[in-house]
C-alpha cells in the first residue's frame, strides 16, 4: 500500500498541468500514486498526461466523457489504494513538503483528516494573497493543536472551507462514510464535505498554508453561467444531510439563513442574461418551503430576500425590492450617524484613519 493517493481531475488544463503535476511528483514524500482522470478535455491535456505517465510509473491516467469534476473525482476514488487521500486541482500547486507534513500529523494523531490553509495566486497580476475563507482563523483559534470532532466545533462547522484540497483524508475513513461528490454540478465539493464532516471524530487543524490556488477567468466557479442555478439543489442536499445526521434542529436557524444567503449570492454573481432563469428557480424553491418556521428564523435581510422573491412577479420587481431595502438601511445608517455627538464622530474618524 502506498502512503498517499493523489486524485487529479483534469479538464482543458494543458497550460498548467505539467507544473501542477511536477509539484506532486517532486514531493519530499515520494511513496505516492497519482490518479488523473481526464474529463473529456478538448485541448491536449490527455496527451500531456500520457507523456508524464510514460516517464513516471506512479502516474495512472484514466479518461471519461465530459461529466464534470465531481464525476471525475468519484471515478478516481474507485482506483485509489493509498493509506491517505488527497484531492488536487489540475491548475493549482502544493508545497513540496506538504504530503510529508500532513502524513506525519495524521500518523501521530490517528486522524480521520487534517485541515490546512491555502493562499490565492492572481494570475492576472502575479500577486499572492490570503482570504478569511481559506485562512479559517476561527478554526485555528479553537483547535490550538488539539484533536477534535465535528461535534466539538459546534457552530464553527460553518467556518471550515468546503474545498477538498484543504484536507488530507484517511482513505479507509472516507470509504466507510460512503461520501461521494455531487455529479453534474460545479458546486460538487459541498455534498462530499458535509457527509465526511458528520462522520469525523478525529480532526486536526494545521496552521500552515500548503496549497496555492490559482484564480483565473477560466475557472468553472467563476463563469457566472446557467450552472450557477444548481446551487439551489446543492443547498437543499446539504439540508438533507443535516436531517440525515440528526443535526437540523441544532443548526436550523443558521442553516436556513445560510440557504438564503448562499442562493442569493450566486444570483448576484450570475450573468445578467441568466438572471431571469435563476430568479424563477429561486422563487419556486422558496415558495415550496415545507418548514413553516423557515421565514420566522431568518434575519432581517434574508427575510427580505425570501419574501421579496416569493411576492415579486418578475426578476426586476425583486431587484427593486432589494434595492429599496438597501437604500432604506443606508438612510437609517446616515441618520444615526448624524445623531452622534461631535466628539464621537471625531473619534470614529480618527479610528478609521
Protein backbone atom coordinates (compact mmCIF):
# COMPACT_ATOMS: atom_id res chain seq x y z
CA UNK A 1 0.00 0.00 0.00
CA UNK A 2 1.38 3.41 -0.97
CA UNK A 3 1.21 6.18 1.59
CA UNK A 4 -0.78 8.74 -0.43
CA UNK A 5 -3.21 8.59 -3.34
CA UNK A 6 -3.39 11.94 -5.11
CA UNK A 7 -6.53 12.41 -7.22
CA UNK A 8 -6.42 14.98 -10.01
CA UNK A 9 -9.49 15.67 -12.20
CA UNK A 10 -8.39 17.25 -15.48
CA UNK A 11 -10.33 19.33 -17.96
CA UNK A 12 -8.63 21.62 -20.51
CA UNK A 13 -5.72 22.27 -18.14
CA UNK A 14 -2.85 22.00 -20.62
CA UNK A 15 -1.43 25.42 -19.68
CA UNK A 16 -0.90 24.40 -16.05
CA UNK A 17 -0.88 20.62 -15.98
CA UNK A 18 2.86 19.90 -16.12
CA UNK A 19 3.60 22.50 -13.43
CA UNK A 20 0.90 21.12 -11.15
CA UNK A 21 1.96 17.50 -11.55
CA UNK A 22 5.62 18.41 -11.08
CA UNK A 23 4.91 19.75 -7.59
CA UNK A 24 3.22 16.43 -6.76
CA UNK A 25 5.83 14.13 -8.26
CA UNK A 26 8.68 16.08 -6.63
CA UNK A 27 7.24 15.89 -3.13
CA UNK A 28 9.66 15.06 -0.33
CA UNK A 29 7.32 12.14 0.39
CA UNK A 30 7.75 10.06 -2.76
CA UNK A 31 5.70 6.98 -1.81
CA UNK A 32 2.55 8.01 -3.65
CA UNK A 33 0.33 7.33 -6.63
CA UNK A 34 -1.24 9.99 -8.83
CA UNK A 35 -4.62 9.14 -10.33
CA UNK A 36 -5.52 11.53 -13.13
CA UNK A 37 -8.95 11.44 -14.76
CA UNK A 38 -9.27 13.40 -17.97
CA UNK A 39 -12.85 14.67 -18.14
CA UNK A 40 -13.20 14.84 -21.92
CA UNK A 41 -10.67 17.63 -22.43
CA UNK A 42 -10.79 19.41 -25.78
CA UNK A 43 -7.15 20.53 -25.63
CA UNK A 44 -4.04 18.34 -25.42
CA UNK A 45 -4.35 17.64 -21.67
CA UNK A 46 -4.72 13.90 -22.23
CA UNK A 47 -1.56 13.80 -24.37
CA UNK A 48 0.37 15.61 -21.63
CA UNK A 49 -0.94 13.18 -19.02
CA UNK A 50 0.04 10.15 -21.08
CA UNK A 51 3.53 11.54 -21.63
CA UNK A 52 4.01 12.19 -17.91
CA UNK A 53 2.70 8.70 -17.09
CA UNK A 54 5.18 7.15 -19.54
CA UNK A 55 8.02 8.89 -17.67
CA UNK A 56 6.82 8.13 -14.12
CA UNK A 57 5.04 4.88 -13.27
CA UNK A 58 3.46 6.44 -10.19
CA UNK A 59 1.04 8.24 -12.52
CA UNK A 60 -2.08 6.46 -13.77
CA UNK A 61 -4.31 8.05 -16.38
CA UNK A 62 -8.00 7.40 -16.99
CA UNK A 63 -10.39 9.21 -19.29
CA UNK A 64 -14.11 9.73 -19.43
CA UNK A 65 -16.59 11.74 -21.47
CA UNK A 66 -17.16 15.24 -20.10
CA UNK A 67 -19.19 14.76 -16.90
CA UNK A 68 -17.67 17.34 -14.58
CA UNK A 69 -15.16 17.38 -11.75
CA UNK A 70 -17.45 15.55 -9.34
CA UNK A 71 -17.78 12.52 -11.60
CA UNK A 72 -14.03 12.55 -12.31
CA UNK A 73 -13.21 12.50 -8.59
CA UNK A 74 -15.72 9.72 -7.93
CA UNK A 75 -14.23 7.71 -10.78
CA UNK A 76 -10.72 8.15 -9.38
CA UNK A 77 -11.80 7.10 -5.89
CA UNK A 78 -12.52 3.59 -7.16
CA UNK A 79 -8.85 3.22 -8.19
CA UNK A 80 -7.18 4.70 -5.09
CA UNK A 81 -5.11 2.34 -2.95
CA UNK A 82 -3.16 4.71 -0.66
CA UNK A 83 -3.49 4.94 3.10
CA UNK A 84 -4.35 8.62 2.68
CA UNK A 85 -6.23 10.59 0.06
CA UNK A 86 -5.52 13.98 -1.37
CA UNK A 87 -7.56 15.85 -3.99
CA UNK A 88 -5.65 18.29 -6.18
CA UNK A 89 -6.95 20.63 -8.89
CA UNK A 90 -5.08 20.45 -12.18
CA UNK A 91 -4.24 24.15 -12.34
CA UNK A 92 -3.02 24.64 -8.77
CA UNK A 93 0.14 23.87 -6.80
CA UNK A 94 1.02 22.45 -3.40
CA UNK A 95 4.23 22.98 -1.43
CA UNK A 96 6.77 20.23 -1.94
CA UNK A 97 6.97 19.16 1.69
CA UNK A 98 3.18 19.21 2.18
CA UNK A 99 2.50 15.47 1.97
CA UNK A 100 5.32 14.66 4.37
CA UNK A 101 4.00 17.20 6.87
CA UNK A 102 0.40 16.03 6.51
CA UNK A 103 1.27 12.33 6.61
CA UNK A 104 3.25 12.74 9.83
CA UNK A 105 0.46 14.73 11.52
CA UNK A 106 -2.11 12.07 10.61
CA UNK A 107 0.09 9.21 11.76
CA UNK A 108 0.99 10.89 15.05
CA UNK A 109 -2.63 11.68 15.90
CA UNK A 110 -4.56 8.81 14.26
CA UNK A 111 -6.73 11.28 12.31
CA UNK A 112 -9.75 10.95 10.07
CA UNK A 113 -8.48 14.04 8.29
CA UNK A 114 -6.41 17.16 8.76
CA UNK A 115 -7.43 20.67 7.66
CA UNK A 116 -4.90 23.25 6.47
CA UNK A 117 -4.77 26.69 4.88
CA UNK A 118 -4.37 27.93 1.30
CA UNK A 119 -3.18 31.10 -0.38
CA UNK A 120 -4.52 32.54 -3.62
CA UNK A 121 -2.49 33.40 -6.70
CA UNK A 122 -4.00 36.02 -9.01
CA UNK A 123 -2.90 35.03 -12.48
CA UNK A 124 -3.67 38.46 -13.98
CA UNK A 125 -1.47 40.39 -11.53
CA UNK A 126 1.00 37.77 -10.32
CA UNK A 127 0.10 38.58 -6.71
CA UNK A 128 -0.34 36.16 -3.81
CA UNK A 129 -2.98 36.98 -1.23
CA UNK A 130 -4.86 35.46 1.69
CA UNK A 131 -8.60 35.36 2.33
CA UNK A 132 -10.51 34.63 5.57
CA UNK A 133 -12.29 31.71 3.86
CA UNK A 134 -9.05 29.77 3.33
CA UNK A 135 -7.30 31.01 6.48
CA UNK A 136 -10.07 29.68 8.75
CA UNK A 137 -8.79 31.69 11.73
CA UNK A 138 -11.76 30.76 13.92
CA UNK A 139 -10.98 27.07 13.46
CA UNK A 140 -7.31 27.74 14.27
CA UNK A 141 -8.19 29.67 17.42
CA UNK A 142 -10.49 26.86 18.56
CA UNK A 143 -8.21 23.95 17.71
CA UNK A 144 -4.87 25.17 19.08
CA UNK A 145 -3.04 21.95 18.28
CA UNK A 146 -5.62 19.54 19.65
CA UNK A 147 -7.64 16.74 18.06
CA UNK A 148 -11.37 17.45 17.84
CA UNK A 149 -14.61 16.07 16.40
CA UNK A 150 -17.28 17.83 14.35
CA UNK A 151 -19.47 17.87 17.45
CA UNK A 152 -16.79 19.74 19.40
CA UNK A 153 -16.85 22.52 16.80
CA UNK A 154 -20.48 23.50 17.27
CA UNK A 155 -21.38 26.46 15.03
CA UNK A 156 -17.77 26.66 13.84
CA UNK A 157 -18.55 23.88 11.35
CA UNK A 158 -19.75 26.69 9.08
CA UNK A 159 -16.29 28.31 9.18
CA UNK A 160 -14.47 25.42 7.53
CA UNK A 161 -13.72 25.75 3.83
CA UNK A 162 -15.62 23.01 1.98
CA UNK A 163 -12.87 22.59 -0.63
CA UNK A 164 -11.32 19.08 -0.68
CA UNK A 165 -7.81 20.38 -1.41
CA UNK A 166 -7.65 21.97 2.07
CA UNK A 167 -7.95 18.49 3.61
CA UNK A 168 -5.82 15.35 3.82
CA UNK A 169 -8.02 12.30 4.38
CA UNK A 170 -7.62 8.82 5.77
CA UNK A 171 -8.85 6.78 2.80
CA UNK A 172 -10.36 3.97 4.86
CA UNK A 173 -12.34 6.54 6.85
CA UNK A 174 -13.68 8.17 3.66
CA UNK A 175 -14.59 4.76 2.27
CA UNK A 176 -16.61 3.93 5.40
CA UNK A 177 -18.60 7.17 5.13
CA UNK A 178 -19.68 6.35 1.57
CA UNK A 179 -19.21 10.04 0.72
CA UNK A 180 -19.21 10.95 -2.95
CA UNK A 181 -19.03 14.19 -4.89
CA UNK A 182 -22.24 15.53 -6.41
CA UNK A 183 -22.12 14.77 -10.12
CA UNK A 184 -23.33 17.24 -12.72
CA UNK A 185 -22.67 20.31 -10.55
CA UNK A 186 -19.83 22.82 -10.40
CA UNK A 187 -20.52 23.02 -6.64
CA UNK A 188 -19.84 19.32 -6.16
CA UNK A 189 -17.50 19.79 -3.16
CA UNK A 190 -20.27 20.65 -0.70
CA UNK A 191 -22.03 17.28 -0.51
CA UNK A 192 -18.74 15.41 0.00
CA UNK A 193 -17.57 17.84 2.68
CA UNK A 194 -20.68 17.62 4.87
CA UNK A 195 -21.02 13.84 4.55
CA UNK A 196 -17.41 13.38 5.63
CA UNK A 197 -17.60 16.01 8.37
CA UNK A 198 -20.59 14.43 10.09
CA UNK A 199 -18.67 11.16 10.37
CA UNK A 200 -15.42 12.66 11.64
CA UNK A 201 -14.36 12.01 15.21
CA UNK A 202 -10.68 12.88 14.92
CA UNK A 203 -9.76 16.09 13.07
CA UNK A 204 -6.79 18.40 13.35
CA UNK A 205 -6.06 21.92 12.10
CA UNK A 206 -2.55 22.51 10.77
CA UNK A 207 -1.88 26.24 10.85
CA UNK A 208 0.16 26.32 7.66
CA UNK A 209 -0.58 27.49 4.11
CA UNK A 210 0.38 24.50 1.99
CA UNK A 211 -1.80 24.99 -1.10
CA UNK A 212 -1.61 27.65 -3.81
CA UNK A 213 -4.95 28.23 -5.50
CA UNK A 214 -4.78 29.78 -8.94
CA UNK A 215 -7.51 32.32 -9.66
CA UNK A 216 -8.28 32.96 -13.30
CA UNK A 217 -11.25 33.67 -15.56
CA UNK A 218 -11.41 30.11 -16.92
CA UNK A 219 -12.46 28.69 -13.54
CA UNK A 220 -15.85 26.93 -13.64
CA UNK A 221 -16.91 28.56 -10.36
CA UNK A 222 -16.17 32.00 -11.80
CA UNK A 223 -18.09 31.60 -15.04
CA UNK A 224 -21.43 33.05 -13.91
CA UNK A 225 -23.35 30.86 -16.35
CA UNK A 226 -26.50 28.76 -16.07
CA UNK A 227 -24.69 26.16 -13.97
CA UNK A 228 -24.93 28.60 -11.05
CA UNK A 229 -28.62 27.75 -10.74
CA UNK A 230 -27.60 24.34 -9.43
CA UNK A 231 -26.66 25.98 -6.12
CA UNK A 232 -30.35 25.66 -5.18
CA UNK A 233 -30.23 21.88 -5.48
CA UNK A 234 -26.86 21.78 -3.71
CA UNK A 235 -28.11 23.74 -0.70
CA UNK A 236 -31.20 21.56 -0.42
CA UNK A 237 -28.95 18.47 -0.45
CA UNK A 238 -26.90 19.99 2.38
CA UNK A 239 -30.06 20.45 4.43
CA UNK A 240 -30.98 16.81 3.78
CA UNK A 241 -27.58 15.77 5.16
CA UNK A 242 -28.24 17.77 8.32
CA UNK A 243 -31.52 15.87 8.62
CA UNK A 244 -29.80 12.51 7.92
CA UNK A 245 -27.29 13.04 10.73
CA UNK A 246 -29.78 14.49 13.22
CA UNK A 247 -28.25 17.98 13.15
CA UNK A 248 -31.06 20.10 11.66
CA UNK A 249 -32.78 21.12 14.88
CA UNK A 250 -29.46 22.15 16.40
CA UNK A 251 -28.44 24.35 13.47
CA UNK A 252 -31.77 25.15 11.82
CA UNK A 253 -31.63 28.93 12.27
CA UNK A 254 -28.06 29.23 10.99
CA UNK A 255 -28.67 26.81 8.13
CA UNK A 256 -31.85 28.49 6.90
CA UNK A 257 -30.12 31.86 6.87
CA UNK A 258 -27.16 30.30 5.08
CA UNK A 259 -29.50 28.83 2.48
CA UNK A 260 -30.96 32.20 1.53
CA UNK A 261 -27.55 33.87 1.65
CA UNK A 262 -25.81 31.21 -0.47
CA UNK A 263 -28.55 31.22 -3.11
CA UNK A 264 -28.79 34.99 -3.29
CA UNK A 265 -25.01 35.33 -3.51
CA UNK A 266 -24.94 33.16 -6.64
CA UNK A 267 -27.92 35.09 -8.01
CA UNK A 268 -25.88 38.28 -7.73
CA UNK A 269 -22.88 36.61 -9.41
CA UNK A 270 -24.70 35.02 -12.36
CA UNK A 271 -24.53 36.96 -15.61
CA UNK A 272 -27.45 39.27 -16.40
CA UNK A 273 -28.57 37.15 -19.34
CA UNK A 274 -29.34 34.28 -16.95
CA UNK A 275 -30.85 36.20 -14.02
CA UNK A 276 -34.47 35.67 -15.12
CA UNK A 277 -33.94 31.90 -15.20
CA UNK A 278 -32.23 31.95 -11.81
CA UNK A 279 -34.96 34.12 -10.30
CA UNK A 280 -37.73 31.76 -11.46
CA UNK A 281 -35.99 28.75 -9.90
CA UNK A 282 -35.23 30.65 -6.69
CA UNK A 283 -38.84 31.84 -6.39
CA UNK A 284 -40.17 28.32 -7.00
CA UNK A 285 -37.86 26.84 -4.39
CA UNK A 286 -38.76 29.45 -1.77
CA UNK A 287 -42.49 29.02 -2.48
CA UNK A 288 -42.16 25.26 -1.92
CA UNK A 289 -40.52 25.61 1.51
CA UNK A 290 -42.15 22.96 3.69
CA UNK A 291 -40.96 24.06 7.14
CA UNK A 292 -43.49 26.59 8.48
CA UNK A 293 -40.80 28.01 10.78
CA UNK A 294 -38.47 28.89 7.89
CA UNK A 295 -39.35 32.57 7.37
CA UNK A 296 -39.54 33.30 11.09
CA UNK A 297 -35.97 32.08 11.63
CA UNK A 298 -34.49 34.43 9.04
CA UNK A 299 -32.73 37.66 9.93
CA UNK A 300 -34.00 40.94 8.52
CA UNK A 301 -32.05 40.91 5.26
CA UNK A 302 -32.58 37.24 4.46
CA UNK A 303 -36.27 37.56 5.25
CA UNK A 304 -36.44 40.48 2.82
CA UNK A 305 -34.75 38.37 0.14
CA UNK A 306 -37.04 35.42 0.82
CA UNK A 307 -40.33 37.35 0.88
CA UNK A 308 -39.17 39.56 -2.00
CA UNK A 309 -38.59 36.51 -4.20
CA UNK A 310 -41.89 34.93 -3.22
CA UNK A 311 -44.02 38.06 -3.57
CA UNK A 312 -42.47 39.57 -6.71
CA UNK A 313 -43.92 38.78 -10.11
CA UNK A 314 -40.72 39.45 -12.06
CA UNK A 315 -37.00 39.49 -11.52
CA UNK A 316 -36.92 43.26 -12.00
CA UNK A 317 -39.53 43.72 -9.28
CA UNK A 318 -37.45 41.52 -6.99
CA UNK A 319 -34.32 43.55 -7.71
CA UNK A 320 -36.24 46.76 -6.98
CA UNK A 321 -37.44 45.44 -3.62
CA UNK A 322 -33.88 44.60 -2.63
CA UNK A 323 -32.58 47.95 -3.87
CA UNK A 324 -35.19 49.80 -1.83
CA UNK A 325 -34.30 47.71 1.22
CA UNK A 326 -30.61 48.60 0.89
CA UNK A 327 -31.41 52.29 0.37
CA UNK A 328 -33.60 52.30 3.48
CA UNK A 329 -30.82 50.71 5.52
CA UNK A 330 -28.32 53.24 4.24
CA UNK A 331 -30.63 56.14 5.09
CA UNK A 332 -31.08 54.79 8.62
CA UNK A 333 -27.33 54.46 8.98
CA UNK A 334 -26.77 58.04 7.85
CA UNK A 335 -29.48 59.39 10.16
CA UNK A 336 -27.98 57.54 13.11
CA UNK A 337 -24.58 58.91 12.24
CA UNK A 338 -25.95 62.46 12.20
CA UNK A 339 -27.36 61.94 15.68
CA UNK A 340 -23.93 61.09 17.11
CA UNK A 341 -22.34 63.79 19.27
CA UNK A 342 -19.48 65.60 17.51
CA UNK A 343 -16.78 64.23 19.82
CA UNK A 344 -17.85 60.63 18.98
CA UNK A 345 -17.82 61.42 15.25
CA UNK A 346 -14.31 62.79 15.67
CA UNK A 347 -13.12 59.63 17.43
CA UNK A 348 -14.69 57.42 14.72
CA UNK A 349 -12.88 59.41 12.02
CA UNK A 350 -9.58 59.00 13.86
CA UNK A 351 -10.11 55.25 14.20
CA UNK A 352 -10.98 54.90 10.52
CA UNK A 353 -7.82 56.76 9.55
